Amino acid sequence: MSPPARLPLPSFDRLSALPSDVLGALRMIPEIVENTRKMATYTAALPEVAEALRQVSADTQTLVTMDRRMASIEEAMPVLVEVQRHLAQLPETMGRLDDGIERLTALMEKIVTALQELESSVETLRGAVEPMSRLANRMPGQRKAEREEQG
């Protein structure tokens, strides 16, 4: 801002004719000029202040969005705490599951052993019954019964 144009000063005899309150006001002109310069200096920063306020506004919008997100997290917190509680129990549950699998494996091994023994017993029984089967087939009337079953 350029300084105002200076007006020519009136002659002394004209000044003495002015009322005293006007003279008092004229004496304040240098102070008014100084204060006006200070105002110009201070108001020169107003564009920067306006830009800073725009940035504060943008930052506030970000905070509002962040606040909504935080509210969503807060709403989900009870569920997250429940999940965390279950996750804390997971090692114990896995340990019990491992124990159960070990017991099941041992039981399956016993079943396999028992099935093998049963198979051996069936083979022994088959060997013992086979001669009796041949003998039964030689009995009188046996062939007639076979034909009736087939036909």
N, C-alpha and C. Protein backbone atom coordinates (compact mmCIF):
# COMPACT_ATOMS: atom_id res chain seq x y z
N MET A 1 0.85 -1.17 0.00
CA MET A 1 0.00 0.00 0.00
C MET A 1 0.90 1.24 0.00
N SER A 2 0.71 2.12 -0.94
CA SER A 2 1.57 3.31 -1.06
C SER A 2 1.08 4.39 -0.10
N PRO A 3 2.01 5.19 0.41
CA PRO A 3 1.61 6.26 1.35
C PRO A 3 0.75 7.28 0.64
N PRO A 4 -0.17 7.92 1.38
CA PRO A 4 -1.06 8.91 0.76
C PRO A 4 -0.27 10.13 0.28
N ALA A 5 -0.81 10.80 -0.73
CA ALA A 5 -0.17 12.01 -1.26
C ALA A 5 -0.22 13.10 -0.20
N ARG A 6 0.86 13.84 -0.09
CA ARG A 6 0.92 14.90 0.94
C ARG A 6 0.28 16.17 0.41
N LEU A 7 -0.48 16.77 1.28
CA LEU A 7 -1.12 18.04 0.93
C LEU A 7 -0.17 19.18 1.29
N PRO A 8 -0.20 20.25 0.54
CA PRO A 8 0.68 21.39 0.91
C PRO A 8 0.22 21.98 2.23
N LEU A 9 1.17 22.34 3.07
CA LEU A 9 0.85 22.90 4.39
C LEU A 9 0.38 24.36 4.22
N PRO A 10 -0.65 24.73 4.97
CA PRO A 10 -1.11 26.12 4.88
C PRO A 10 -0.10 27.07 5.54
N SER A 11 -0.18 28.32 5.21
CA SER A 11 0.73 29.31 5.80
C SER A 11 0.35 29.52 7.25
N PHE A 12 1.33 30.04 8.05
CA PHE A 12 1.15 30.20 9.47
C PHE A 12 0.00 31.14 9.83
N ASP A 13 -0.17 32.21 9.08
CA ASP A 13 -1.24 33.16 9.40
C ASP A 13 -2.60 32.52 9.15
N ARG A 14 -2.67 31.61 8.24
CA ARG A 14 -3.94 30.92 8.03
C ARG A 14 -4.20 29.93 9.16
N LEU A 15 -3.10 29.32 9.67
CA LEU A 15 -3.26 28.36 10.76
C LEU A 15 -3.75 29.03 12.03
N SER A 16 -3.30 30.21 12.30
CA SER A 16 -3.70 30.89 13.53
C SER A 16 -5.18 31.24 13.51
N ALA A 17 -5.76 31.30 12.32
CA ALA A 17 -7.16 31.65 12.22
C ALA A 17 -8.07 30.43 12.46
N LEU A 18 -7.49 29.23 12.47
CA LEU A 18 -8.29 28.01 12.67
C LEU A 18 -8.69 27.88 14.13
N PRO A 19 -9.83 27.30 14.39
CA PRO A 19 -10.24 27.09 15.78
C PRO A 19 -9.26 26.14 16.48
N SER A 20 -9.18 26.23 17.76
CA SER A 20 -8.20 25.46 18.54
C SER A 20 -8.46 23.95 18.46
N ASP A 21 -9.71 23.55 18.36
CA ASP A 21 -9.97 22.09 18.28
C ASP A 21 -9.49 21.53 16.95
N VAL A 22 -9.54 22.36 15.88
CA VAL A 22 -9.02 21.91 14.59
C VAL A 22 -7.51 21.82 14.68
N LEU A 23 -6.88 22.76 15.37
CA LEU A 23 -5.44 22.71 15.55
C LEU A 23 -5.04 21.47 16.34
N GLY A 24 -5.81 21.13 17.33
CA GLY A 24 -5.53 19.91 18.12
C GLY A 24 -5.63 18.66 17.26
N ALA A 25 -6.62 18.67 16.39
CA ALA A 25 -6.79 17.53 15.49
C ALA A 25 -5.63 17.43 14.52
N LEU A 26 -5.17 18.58 14.03
CA LEU A 26 -4.03 18.58 13.10
C LEU A 26 -2.77 18.06 13.78
N ARG A 27 -2.62 18.33 15.05
CA ARG A 27 -1.45 17.85 15.78
C ARG A 27 -1.47 16.32 15.90
N MET A 28 -2.62 15.70 15.79
CA MET A 28 -2.73 14.24 15.92
C MET A 28 -2.46 13.52 14.61
N ILE A 29 -2.35 14.27 13.52
CA ILE A 29 -2.15 13.65 12.21
C ILE A 29 -0.91 12.75 12.20
N PRO A 30 0.24 13.16 12.73
CA PRO A 30 1.41 12.26 12.71
C PRO A 30 1.12 10.93 13.45
N GLU A 31 0.41 10.99 14.55
CA GLU A 31 0.06 9.78 15.30
C GLU A 31 -0.90 8.91 14.48
N ILE A 32 -1.85 9.55 13.81
CA ILE A 32 -2.79 8.80 12.96
C ILE A 32 -2.04 8.12 11.82
N VAL A 33 -1.07 8.84 11.23
CA VAL A 33 -0.26 8.27 10.14
C VAL A 33 0.50 7.06 10.65
N GLU A 34 1.13 7.17 11.81
CA GLU A 34 1.89 6.05 12.38
C GLU A 34 0.99 4.86 12.66
N ASN A 35 -0.16 5.10 13.25
CA ASN A 35 -1.10 4.01 13.54
C ASN A 35 -1.61 3.37 12.25
N THR A 36 -1.82 4.18 11.22
CA THR A 36 -2.27 3.65 9.93
C THR A 36 -1.20 2.75 9.33
N ARG A 37 0.07 3.14 9.45
CA ARG A 37 1.17 2.29 8.96
C ARG A 37 1.18 0.95 9.71
N LYS A 38 1.01 1.02 11.03
CA LYS A 38 0.98 -0.21 11.82
C LYS A 38 -0.18 -1.11 11.38
N MET A 39 -1.34 -0.50 11.15
CA MET A 39 -2.49 -1.30 10.70
C MET A 39 -2.20 -1.96 9.36
N ALA A 40 -1.53 -1.23 8.48
CA ALA A 40 -1.19 -1.79 7.17
C ALA A 40 -0.24 -2.98 7.36
N THR A 41 0.71 -2.83 8.28
CA THR A 41 1.65 -3.92 8.53
C THR A 41 0.91 -5.15 9.08
N TYR A 42 0.06 -4.91 10.07
CA TYR A 42 -0.65 -6.03 10.70
C TYR A 42 -1.67 -6.68 9.76
N THR A 43 -2.34 -5.91 8.96
CA THR A 43 -3.35 -6.49 8.07
C THR A 43 -2.73 -7.14 6.84
N ALA A 44 -1.45 -6.91 6.61
CA ALA A 44 -0.77 -7.56 5.49
C ALA A 44 -0.77 -9.08 5.67
N ALA A 45 -0.85 -9.55 6.89
CA ALA A 45 -0.84 -10.99 7.18
C ALA A 45 -2.22 -11.62 7.03
N LEU A 46 -3.25 -10.84 6.78
CA LEU A 46 -4.62 -11.38 6.69
C LEU A 46 -4.78 -12.47 5.63
N PRO A 47 -4.17 -12.37 4.44
CA PRO A 47 -4.29 -13.48 3.48
C PRO A 47 -3.72 -14.80 4.03
N GLU A 48 -2.60 -14.70 4.77
CA GLU A 48 -2.04 -15.91 5.39
C GLU A 48 -2.98 -16.46 6.45
N VAL A 49 -3.58 -15.57 7.21
CA VAL A 49 -4.54 -16.00 8.25
C VAL A 49 -5.74 -16.69 7.59
N ALA A 50 -6.22 -16.12 6.48
CA ALA A 50 -7.36 -16.72 5.77
C ALA A 50 -7.00 -18.11 5.27
N GLU A 51 -5.79 -18.26 4.73
CA GLU A 51 -5.36 -19.59 4.24
C GLU A 51 -5.25 -20.57 5.41
N ALA A 52 -4.72 -20.10 6.53
CA ALA A 52 -4.62 -20.95 7.71
C ALA A 52 -6.01 -21.39 8.17
N LEU A 53 -6.98 -20.49 8.12
CA LEU A 53 -8.35 -20.84 8.52
C LEU A 53 -8.95 -21.88 7.56
N ARG A 54 -8.65 -21.74 6.26
CA ARG A 54 -9.13 -22.75 5.29
C ARG A 54 -8.53 -24.11 5.63
N GLN A 55 -7.25 -24.13 5.98
CA GLN A 55 -6.59 -25.39 6.33
C GLN A 55 -7.20 -25.97 7.60
N VAL A 56 -7.49 -25.12 8.58
CA VAL A 56 -8.14 -25.59 9.81
C VAL A 56 -9.50 -26.20 9.47
N SER A 57 -10.22 -25.58 8.56
CA SER A 57 -11.52 -26.11 8.14
C SER A 57 -11.36 -27.50 7.51
N ALA A 58 -10.37 -27.65 6.62
CA ALA A 58 -10.13 -28.96 5.99
C ALA A 58 -9.73 -29.99 7.04
N ASP A 59 -8.87 -29.58 7.97
CA ASP A 59 -8.44 -30.50 9.03
C ASP A 59 -9.62 -30.90 9.91
N THR A 60 -10.52 -29.98 10.14
CA THR A 60 -11.71 -30.28 10.95
C THR A 60 -12.57 -31.31 10.26
N GLN A 61 -12.71 -31.21 8.93
CA GLN A 61 -13.49 -32.22 8.18
C GLN A 61 -12.85 -33.60 8.33
N THR A 62 -11.53 -33.65 8.31
CA THR A 62 -10.82 -34.92 8.50
C THR A 62 -11.10 -35.47 9.89
N LEU A 63 -11.12 -34.59 10.87
CA LEU A 63 -11.41 -35.02 12.24
C LEU A 63 -12.84 -35.56 12.36
N VAL A 64 -13.77 -34.96 11.65
CA VAL A 64 -15.16 -35.44 11.69
C VAL A 64 -15.23 -36.86 11.11
N THR A 65 -14.53 -37.06 9.99
CA THR A 65 -14.49 -38.40 9.40
C THR A 65 -13.84 -39.38 10.36
N MET A 66 -12.75 -38.96 10.97
CA MET A 66 -12.05 -39.82 11.91
C MET A 66 -12.94 -40.13 13.11
N ASP A 67 -13.71 -39.15 13.54
CA ASP A 67 -14.62 -39.35 14.67
C ASP A 67 -15.66 -40.41 14.33
N ARG A 68 -16.17 -40.39 13.10
CA ARG A 68 -17.15 -41.41 12.68
C ARG A 68 -16.51 -42.79 12.71
N ARG A 69 -15.28 -42.86 12.21
CA ARG A 69 -14.58 -44.15 12.21
C ARG A 69 -14.36 -44.65 13.63
N MET A 70 -13.97 -43.74 14.51
CA MET A 70 -13.76 -44.11 15.91
C MET A 70 -15.07 -44.60 16.54
N ALA A 71 -16.17 -43.98 16.17
CA ALA A 71 -17.47 -44.41 16.69
C ALA A 71 -17.78 -45.81 16.20
N SER A 72 -17.46 -46.11 14.94
CA SER A 72 -17.68 -47.46 14.42
C SER A 72 -16.84 -48.48 15.18
N ILE A 73 -15.60 -48.11 15.44
CA ILE A 73 -14.72 -49.01 16.20
C ILE A 73 -15.27 -49.20 17.60
N GLU A 74 -15.75 -48.12 18.19
CA GLU A 74 -16.32 -48.21 19.54
C GLU A 74 -17.54 -49.13 19.56
N GLU A 75 -18.37 -49.04 18.52
CA GLU A 75 -19.55 -49.91 18.45
C GLU A 75 -19.14 -51.37 18.31
N ALA A 76 -18.05 -51.62 17.59
CA ALA A 76 -17.60 -52.99 17.36
C ALA A 76 -16.80 -53.55 18.54
N MET A 77 -16.44 -52.71 19.48
CA MET A 77 -15.57 -53.11 20.57
C MET A 77 -16.10 -54.30 21.38
N PRO A 78 -17.39 -54.36 21.74
CA PRO A 78 -17.85 -55.53 22.50
C PRO A 78 -17.63 -56.84 21.73
N VAL A 79 -17.86 -56.81 20.44
CA VAL A 79 -17.65 -58.02 19.63
C VAL A 79 -16.17 -58.36 19.60
N LEU A 80 -15.32 -57.34 19.45
CA LEU A 80 -13.89 -57.59 19.42
C LEU A 80 -13.39 -58.15 20.75
N VAL A 81 -13.94 -57.66 21.85
CA VAL A 81 -13.56 -58.17 23.17
C VAL A 81 -13.98 -59.63 23.30
N GLU A 82 -15.17 -59.96 22.81
CA GLU A 82 -15.65 -61.34 22.84
C GLU A 82 -14.75 -62.24 22.00
N VAL A 83 -14.39 -61.78 20.82
CA VAL A 83 -13.48 -62.55 19.95
C VAL A 83 -12.14 -62.74 20.64
N GLN A 84 -11.66 -61.69 21.25
CA GLN A 84 -10.37 -61.77 21.96
C GLN A 84 -10.45 -62.80 23.09
N ARG A 85 -11.57 -62.84 23.80
CA ARG A 85 -11.75 -63.80 24.89
C ARG A 85 -11.69 -65.23 24.33
N HIS A 86 -12.38 -65.43 23.20
CA HIS A 86 -12.36 -66.76 22.59
C HIS A 86 -10.96 -67.12 22.09
N LEU A 87 -10.28 -66.15 21.53
CA LEU A 87 -8.92 -66.40 21.05
C LEU A 87 -7.99 -66.75 22.21
N ALA A 88 -8.22 -66.15 23.35
CA ALA A 88 -7.40 -66.46 24.52
C ALA A 88 -7.61 -67.91 24.94
N GLN A 89 -8.80 -68.44 24.71
CA GLN A 89 -9.11 -69.83 25.08
C GLN A 89 -8.64 -70.82 24.02
N LEU A 90 -8.22 -70.33 22.86
CA LEU A 90 -7.85 -71.20 21.75
C LEU A 90 -6.73 -72.18 22.10
N PRO A 91 -5.63 -71.77 22.75
CA PRO A 91 -4.59 -72.75 23.07
C PRO A 91 -5.10 -73.90 23.93
N GLU A 92 -5.93 -73.57 24.93
CA GLU A 92 -6.50 -74.61 25.79
C GLU A 92 -7.40 -75.54 24.98
N THR A 93 -8.23 -74.95 24.12
CA THR A 93 -9.13 -75.75 23.28
C THR A 93 -8.33 -76.65 22.35
N MET A 94 -7.29 -76.10 21.75
CA MET A 94 -6.44 -76.90 20.85
C MET A 94 -5.76 -78.03 21.63
N GLY A 95 -5.34 -77.77 22.86
CA GLY A 95 -4.74 -78.81 23.69
C GLY A 95 -5.73 -79.94 23.95
N ARG A 96 -6.97 -79.57 24.29
CA ARG A 96 -8.00 -80.59 24.52
C ARG A 96 -8.27 -81.37 23.24
N LEU A 97 -8.28 -80.66 22.12
CA LEU A 97 -8.51 -81.32 20.83
C LEU A 97 -7.38 -82.30 20.52
N ASP A 98 -6.14 -81.89 20.78
CA ASP A 98 -5.00 -82.79 20.58
C ASP A 98 -5.13 -84.03 21.45
N ASP A 99 -5.52 -83.83 22.73
CA ASP A 99 -5.72 -84.98 23.63
C ASP A 99 -6.80 -85.91 23.09
N GLY A 100 -7.89 -85.31 22.60
CA GLY A 100 -8.99 -86.12 22.04
C GLY A 100 -8.53 -86.89 20.81
N ILE A 101 -7.73 -86.24 19.97
CA ILE A 101 -7.22 -86.92 18.77
C ILE A 101 -6.31 -88.07 19.17
N GLU A 102 -5.48 -87.85 20.19
CA GLU A 102 -4.60 -88.94 20.65
C GLU A 102 -5.43 -90.12 21.16
N ARG A 103 -6.47 -89.83 21.95
CA ARG A 103 -7.34 -90.92 22.46
C ARG A 103 -8.04 -91.62 21.30
N LEU A 104 -8.52 -90.84 20.32
CA LEU A 104 -9.19 -91.41 19.17
C LEU A 104 -8.23 -92.28 18.35
N THR A 105 -7.00 -91.84 18.19
CA THR A 105 -6.00 -92.61 17.46
C THR A 105 -5.74 -93.94 18.17
N ALA A 106 -5.59 -93.89 19.51
CA ALA A 106 -5.37 -95.13 20.27
C ALA A 106 -6.56 -96.06 20.13
N LEU A 107 -7.77 -95.52 20.17
CA LEU A 107 -8.97 -96.34 20.02
C LEU A 107 -9.04 -96.95 18.63
N MET A 108 -8.70 -96.16 17.61
CA MET A 108 -8.70 -96.69 16.24
C MET A 108 -7.67 -97.81 16.08
N GLU A 109 -6.53 -97.66 16.71
CA GLU A 109 -5.52 -98.73 16.67
C GLU A 109 -6.06 -100.00 17.31
N LYS A 110 -6.79 -99.85 18.43
CA LYS A 110 -7.39 -101.02 19.08
C LYS A 110 -8.43 -101.67 18.17
N ILE A 111 -9.21 -100.82 17.48
CA ILE A 111 -10.24 -101.35 16.57
C ILE A 111 -9.59 -102.11 15.42
N VAL A 112 -8.52 -101.55 14.86
CA VAL A 112 -7.81 -102.23 13.76
C VAL A 112 -7.27 -103.57 14.25
N THR A 113 -6.68 -103.58 15.44
CA THR A 113 -6.15 -104.84 16.01
C THR A 113 -7.29 -105.85 16.20
N ALA A 114 -8.42 -105.36 16.73
CA ALA A 114 -9.56 -106.26 16.95
C ALA A 114 -10.09 -106.79 15.63
N LEU A 115 -10.15 -105.97 14.59
CA LEU A 115 -10.61 -106.42 13.27
C LEU A 115 -9.66 -107.46 12.68
N GLN A 116 -8.37 -107.25 12.89
CA GLN A 116 -7.40 -108.24 12.41
C GLN A 116 -7.59 -109.57 13.13
N GLU A 117 -7.81 -109.48 14.45
CA GLU A 117 -8.05 -110.71 15.21
C GLU A 117 -9.35 -111.37 14.76
N LEU A 118 -10.39 -110.56 14.50
CA LEU A 118 -11.67 -111.11 14.03
C LEU A 118 -11.49 -111.78 12.68
N GLU A 119 -10.74 -111.16 11.79
CA GLU A 119 -10.48 -111.75 10.47
C GLU A 119 -9.77 -113.10 10.62
N SER A 120 -8.81 -113.15 11.53
CA SER A 120 -8.09 -114.40 11.76
C SER A 120 -9.04 -115.46 12.31
N SER A 121 -9.93 -115.04 13.23
CA SER A 121 -10.89 -116.00 13.81
C SER A 121 -11.85 -116.49 12.74
N VAL A 122 -12.30 -115.59 11.85
CA VAL A 122 -13.22 -115.97 10.78
C VAL A 122 -12.53 -116.98 9.85
N GLU A 123 -11.28 -116.73 9.53
CA GLU A 123 -10.55 -117.66 8.67
C GLU A 123 -10.42 -119.03 9.34
N THR A 124 -10.14 -119.03 10.64
CA THR A 124 -10.04 -120.29 11.37
C THR A 124 -11.39 -120.99 11.37
N LEU A 125 -12.45 -120.25 11.61
CA LEU A 125 -13.80 -120.81 11.62
C LEU A 125 -14.17 -121.35 10.24
N ARG A 126 -13.83 -120.62 9.21
CA ARG A 126 -14.11 -121.05 7.84
C ARG A 126 -13.39 -122.38 7.56
N GLY A 127 -12.15 -122.45 7.99
CA GLY A 127 -11.39 -123.69 7.81
C GLY A 127 -12.04 -124.85 8.54
N ALA A 128 -12.62 -124.58 9.72
CA ALA A 128 -13.24 -125.65 10.50
C ALA A 128 -14.61 -126.02 9.94
N VAL A 129 -15.34 -125.07 9.36
CA VAL A 129 -16.71 -125.31 8.89
C VAL A 129 -16.70 -125.91 7.49
N GLU A 130 -15.69 -125.64 6.70
CA GLU A 130 -15.68 -126.10 5.32
C GLU A 130 -15.84 -127.62 5.20
N PRO A 131 -15.11 -128.46 5.97
CA PRO A 131 -15.35 -129.91 5.85
C PRO A 131 -16.78 -130.28 6.22
N MET A 132 -17.36 -129.58 7.20
CA MET A 132 -18.74 -129.90 7.59
C MET A 132 -19.70 -129.52 6.47
N SER A 133 -19.39 -128.46 5.74
CA SER A 133 -20.22 -128.04 4.63
C SER A 133 -20.21 -129.09 3.53
N ARG A 134 -19.05 -129.63 3.25
CA ARG A 134 -18.97 -130.68 2.24
C ARG A 134 -19.76 -131.91 2.67
N LEU A 135 -19.66 -132.21 3.95
CA LEU A 135 -20.40 -133.37 4.48
C LEU A 135 -21.90 -133.12 4.38
N ALA A 136 -22.35 -131.91 4.69
CA ALA A 136 -23.77 -131.59 4.63
C ALA A 136 -24.28 -131.66 3.20
N ASN A 137 -23.46 -131.31 2.25
CA ASN A 137 -23.87 -131.37 0.84
C ASN A 137 -24.06 -132.82 0.37
N ARG A 138 -23.47 -133.76 1.05
CA ARG A 138 -23.58 -135.17 0.68
C ARG A 138 -24.82 -135.83 1.31
N MET A 139 -25.47 -135.15 2.12
CA MET A 139 -26.64 -135.72 2.81
C MET A 139 -27.75 -135.95 1.80
N PRO A 140 -28.56 -137.04 2.01
CA PRO A 140 -29.66 -137.32 1.09
C PRO A 140 -30.65 -136.16 1.07
N GLY A 141 -31.16 -135.81 -0.09
CA GLY A 141 -32.18 -134.77 -0.28
C GLY A 141 -31.59 -133.37 -0.35
N GLN A 142 -30.33 -133.29 -0.19
CA GLN A 142 -29.70 -131.96 -0.20
C GLN A 142 -29.74 -131.35 -1.59
N ARG A 143 -29.55 -132.12 -2.60
CA ARG A 143 -29.53 -131.58 -3.97
C ARG A 143 -30.93 -131.08 -4.38
N LYS A 144 -31.97 -131.78 -3.89
CA LYS A 144 -33.34 -131.37 -4.18
C LYS A 144 -33.59 -129.99 -3.54
N ALA A 145 -33.11 -129.76 -2.35
CA ALA A 145 -33.28 -128.49 -1.66
C ALA A 145 -32.53 -127.37 -2.38
N GLU A 146 -31.38 -127.73 -2.96
CA GLU A 146 -30.62 -126.73 -3.71
C GLU A 146 -31.37 -126.31 -4.95
N ARG A 147 -32.01 -127.28 -5.63
CA ARG A 147 -32.76 -126.94 -6.86
C ARG A 147 -33.94 -126.04 -6.53
N GLU A 148 -34.60 -126.30 -5.43
CA GLU A 148 -35.78 -125.49 -5.03
C GLU A 148 -35.33 -124.06 -4.72
N GLU A 149 -34.19 -123.91 -4.10
CA GLU A 149 -33.69 -122.57 -3.77
C GLU A 149 -33.35 -121.79 -5.03
N GLN A 150 -32.80 -122.46 -6.03
CA GLN A 150 -32.40 -121.80 -7.28
C GLN A 150 -33.58 -121.48 -8.17
N GLY A 151 -34.58 -122.30 -8.12
CA GLY A 151 -35.61 -122.17 -9.13
C GLY A 151 -36.90 -121.78 -8.67
